[in-house]
Amino acid sequence: MKIVQPEAWWDRLFAPSSALAIITTVDSAGAVNAAAFGTCTRVNHNPVDIAFTCRPGKDTTANVLATGEFIVNLPRFDEASLEAVRVVGLPFKRGVNELDRAGLHAIPALALKPPRIAECSRHFECRVEWTHEWSDRVMIVGRVISASTDEDCVDDQGYVRWEAARSAHFAGASYNYFVAAYHVMKVRQPYEGPEVEEYDAFERAIFGQA
């Protein structure tokens, strides 16, 4: 079952700050497109903004520019999910529904037209804040307006349960495989200068935590 996450928890829900993602969009006629992205990055904490890049002329870019909407779906680190990521990353012709080809299931979004992906554990519904084209890429930055997750993937304060969410990351085309990073290590601050208090005060102001 999917559960809606309150806005105060969206930032902690998108962790680590960069992840493997399947981004869903629709064109102006409502046709669904899905594409795999090796680096989808949270670039602001409050409000939560997410960024990725895509080539000009690709279906994702065209749909985002036409509708101003996209959904970031984060897959789990398991064989079936990563096989589906490989399929949606293939260069299908425009108009082909990659979700169907990959055996994935669309479910309605909470607020936007593109669908969420049932098999993904976390979903971030984004409206475009700005885009910028350079070289052979388009940078797309979206503002999260709603977030949801599988109920087993977060605790009662919205923190990710890593053993359930199983974040996945792409090691790069030269490696051609995926890695997982969900072991957590808390480390001490080995410095005692005044900058520590300044940093802690900033963190408290942003996140409301000590």
Protein backbone atom coordinates (compact mmCIF):
# COMPACT_ATOMS: atom_id res chain seq x y z
CA MET A 1 0.00 0.00 0.00
CA LYS A 2 1.22 3.50 -0.82
CA ILE A 3 1.11 6.14 1.91
CA VAL A 4 1.24 9.90 1.43
CA GLN A 5 4.13 11.65 3.15
CA PRO A 6 3.73 15.11 4.76
CA GLU A 7 5.77 17.96 3.33
CA ALA A 8 7.96 18.21 6.42
CA TRP A 9 9.33 14.73 5.63
CA TRP A 10 9.98 15.06 1.89
CA ASP A 11 13.63 16.03 2.28
CA ARG A 12 14.51 13.07 4.51
CA LEU A 13 12.56 10.79 2.18
CA PHE A 14 14.80 11.60 -0.81
CA ALA A 15 18.01 10.13 0.53
CA PRO A 16 20.76 9.58 -0.43
CA SER A 17 20.80 12.91 -2.26
CA SER A 18 21.40 11.27 -5.67
CA ALA A 19 19.70 8.10 -6.83
CA LEU A 20 18.82 5.86 -9.75
CA ALA A 21 15.33 6.82 -10.94
CA ILE A 22 12.64 6.08 -13.47
CA ILE A 23 11.04 9.36 -14.50
CA THR A 24 7.50 9.28 -15.84
CA THR A 25 5.99 12.00 -18.00
CA VAL A 26 3.07 12.43 -20.35
CA ASP A 27 2.83 14.30 -23.63
CA SER A 28 0.19 16.92 -24.40
CA ALA A 29 -2.21 14.15 -25.46
CA GLY A 30 -1.69 12.18 -22.24
CA ALA A 31 0.49 9.37 -23.65
CA VAL A 32 2.80 7.97 -20.96
CA ASN A 33 6.59 7.87 -21.24
CA ALA A 34 9.07 6.35 -18.80
CA ALA A 35 12.85 6.66 -18.88
CA ALA A 36 15.74 5.58 -16.66
CA PHE A 37 18.15 8.15 -15.24
CA GLY A 38 21.37 7.24 -13.49
CA THR A 39 21.63 10.51 -11.58
CA CYS A 40 18.57 12.20 -10.14
CA THR A 41 19.61 14.67 -7.46
CA ARG A 42 17.97 16.60 -4.64
CA VAL A 43 19.36 20.12 -5.06
CA ASN A 44 17.46 22.01 -2.37
CA HIS A 45 16.18 21.03 1.06
CA ASN A 46 13.33 23.41 1.84
CA PRO A 47 11.41 23.53 -0.42
CA VAL A 48 12.57 20.24 -1.90
CA ASP A 49 13.79 20.55 -5.49
CA ILE A 50 14.99 17.64 -7.64
CA ALA A 51 17.16 17.92 -10.76
CA PHE A 52 18.20 15.70 -13.64
CA THR A 53 19.55 16.17 -17.16
CA CYS A 54 18.30 14.81 -20.46
CA ARG A 55 19.24 15.26 -24.10
CA PRO A 56 17.33 17.79 -26.21
CA GLY A 57 14.69 16.14 -28.37
CA LYS A 58 14.24 13.10 -26.13
CA ASP A 59 10.66 12.21 -25.21
CA THR A 60 11.21 13.06 -21.55
CA THR A 61 12.57 16.51 -22.41
CA ALA A 62 9.78 17.22 -24.88
CA ASN A 63 7.10 16.13 -22.44
CA VAL A 64 8.52 18.12 -19.55
CA LEU A 65 8.74 21.26 -21.67
CA ALA A 66 5.18 20.75 -22.95
CA THR A 67 3.49 19.97 -19.63
CA GLY A 68 5.79 21.23 -16.86
CA GLU A 69 5.34 17.97 -14.92
CA PHE A 70 7.31 14.84 -14.11
CA ILE A 71 7.40 12.14 -11.44
CA VAL A 72 10.57 10.69 -9.95
CA ASN A 73 10.10 7.00 -9.08
CA LEU A 74 12.90 5.35 -7.09
CA PRO A 75 13.34 1.60 -7.75
CA ARG A 76 14.58 -0.94 -5.24
CA PHE A 77 17.92 -2.71 -5.44
CA ASP A 78 16.57 -6.08 -6.57
CA GLU A 79 16.93 -8.05 -9.77
CA ALA A 80 13.41 -7.57 -11.10
CA SER A 81 13.43 -3.80 -10.51
CA LEU A 82 16.85 -3.29 -12.09
CA GLU A 83 15.92 -5.42 -15.10
CA ALA A 84 12.91 -3.14 -15.57
CA VAL A 85 15.21 -0.11 -15.34
CA ARG A 86 17.28 -1.55 -18.19
CA VAL A 87 14.17 -2.01 -20.34
CA VAL A 88 12.73 1.49 -19.87
CA GLY A 89 16.17 2.87 -20.73
CA LEU A 90 16.00 1.43 -24.25
CA PRO A 91 15.43 3.79 -27.22
CA PHE A 92 11.82 2.93 -28.01
CA LYS A 93 10.02 4.98 -30.63
CA ARG A 94 7.93 7.93 -29.49
CA GLY A 95 4.46 6.81 -28.43
CA VAL A 96 5.57 3.43 -27.05
CA ASN A 97 4.65 2.95 -23.40
CA GLU A 98 7.88 1.77 -21.77
CA LEU A 99 6.05 0.68 -18.62
CA ASP A 100 4.15 -1.92 -20.63
CA ARG A 101 7.34 -3.18 -22.27
CA ALA A 102 9.06 -3.52 -18.88
CA GLY A 103 6.11 -5.21 -17.16
CA LEU A 104 5.65 -2.29 -14.78
CA HIS A 105 2.29 -1.02 -13.57
CA ALA A 106 1.10 2.58 -13.62
CA ILE A 107 -0.93 3.95 -10.72
CA PRO A 108 -2.48 7.43 -10.59
CA ALA A 109 -0.44 10.25 -9.15
CA LEU A 110 -1.74 12.23 -6.20
CA ALA A 111 -1.69 15.61 -7.94
CA LEU A 112 -0.20 15.41 -11.45
CA LYS A 113 -0.99 13.77 -14.80
CA PRO A 114 2.02 11.43 -15.17
CA PRO A 115 1.59 8.13 -13.31
CA ARG A 116 3.54 6.70 -10.43
CA ILE A 117 5.08 3.25 -10.84
CA ALA A 118 3.63 0.66 -8.48
CA GLU A 119 6.83 -1.40 -8.29
CA CYS A 120 8.95 1.59 -7.16
CA SER A 121 9.19 2.26 -3.44
CA ARG A 122 9.23 6.09 -3.40
CA HIS A 123 7.60 8.72 -5.61
CA PHE A 124 8.16 12.49 -5.92
CA GLU A 125 5.67 14.48 -7.98
CA CYS A 126 7.37 17.57 -9.43
CA ARG A 127 6.38 20.74 -11.25
CA VAL A 128 9.12 22.34 -13.30
CA GLU A 129 10.86 25.33 -11.70
CA TRP A 130 13.30 26.01 -14.53
CA THR A 131 15.20 24.42 -17.37
CA HIS A 132 18.50 25.30 -19.01
CA GLU A 133 20.03 23.89 -22.18
CA TRP A 134 23.77 23.70 -22.73
CA SER A 135 26.07 21.54 -24.81
CA ASP A 136 24.03 18.39 -25.52
CA ARG A 137 22.00 18.38 -22.28
CA VAL A 138 18.97 20.06 -20.75
CA MET A 139 19.01 20.59 -17.00
CA ILE A 140 15.51 20.21 -15.53
CA VAL A 141 14.74 21.28 -11.97
CA GLY A 142 11.37 20.47 -10.42
CA ARG A 143 9.68 21.47 -7.17
CA VAL A 144 8.22 18.54 -5.22
CA ILE A 145 4.54 19.11 -4.60
CA SER A 146 3.66 15.64 -3.29
CA ALA A 147 5.49 12.51 -2.15
CA SER A 148 4.42 8.96 -1.38
CA THR A 149 6.06 5.69 -0.48
CA ASP A 150 5.43 2.04 0.20
CA GLU A 151 4.37 1.82 3.81
CA ASP A 152 7.19 -0.55 4.76
CA CYS A 153 9.88 1.88 3.56
CA VAL A 154 9.56 4.61 6.19
CA ASP A 155 9.25 4.76 9.96
CA ASP A 156 6.65 6.80 11.86
CA GLN A 157 8.75 9.97 11.46
CA GLY A 158 9.29 9.67 7.73
CA TYR A 159 12.85 8.36 7.84
CA VAL A 160 13.77 5.77 5.23
CA ARG A 161 14.04 2.15 6.34
CA TRP A 162 17.05 1.24 4.22
CA GLU A 163 16.65 -2.51 4.47
CA ALA A 164 13.19 -2.17 2.89
CA ALA A 165 13.63 0.75 0.47
CA ARG A 166 16.98 -0.63 -0.80
CA SER A 167 18.20 2.46 -2.66
CA ALA A 168 19.91 1.79 -5.98
CA HIS A 169 22.61 3.76 -7.77
CA PHE A 170 24.09 3.52 -11.25
CA ALA A 171 27.84 3.05 -11.33
CA GLY A 172 28.12 4.48 -14.85
CA ALA A 173 28.04 3.18 -18.41
CA SER A 174 31.66 2.05 -18.25
CA TYR A 175 30.73 -0.28 -15.36
CA ASN A 176 27.29 -1.27 -16.73
CA TYR A 177 26.00 -2.37 -13.35
CA PHE A 178 24.22 -1.06 -10.28
CA VAL A 179 25.28 -0.63 -6.66
CA ALA A 180 23.38 -0.33 -3.40
CA ALA A 181 24.06 2.00 -0.50
CA TYR A 182 21.83 1.50 2.50
CA HIS A 183 24.14 0.84 5.42
CA VAL A 184 24.12 3.86 7.73
CA MET A 185 27.09 5.06 9.78
CA LYS A 186 26.86 8.01 12.14
CA VAL A 187 30.26 9.62 12.75
CA ARG A 188 31.42 12.14 15.33
CA GLN A 189 32.47 15.72 14.55
CA PRO A 190 36.24 15.77 15.32
CA TYR A 191 36.47 19.57 15.28
CA GLU A 192 35.53 21.97 18.08
CA GLY A 193 35.85 25.43 16.55
CA PRO A 194 33.08 28.06 16.41
CA GLU A 195 32.14 26.91 12.92
CA VAL A 196 30.51 23.82 14.44
CA GLU A 197 27.91 25.85 16.32
CA GLU A 198 27.29 27.99 13.24
CA TYR A 199 26.70 24.85 11.19
CA ASP A 200 24.48 23.28 13.85
CA ALA A 201 22.39 26.46 14.08
CA PHE A 202 21.90 26.40 10.31
CA GLU A 203 20.86 22.74 10.41
CA ARG A 204 18.37 23.44 13.21
CA ALA A 205 16.89 26.33 11.22
CA ILE A 206 16.46 24.17 8.12
CA PHE A 207 15.47 20.83 9.64
CA GLY A 208 14.23 21.75 13.13
CA GLN A 209 16.58 19.25 14.76
CA ALA A 210 19.46 19.42 17.20
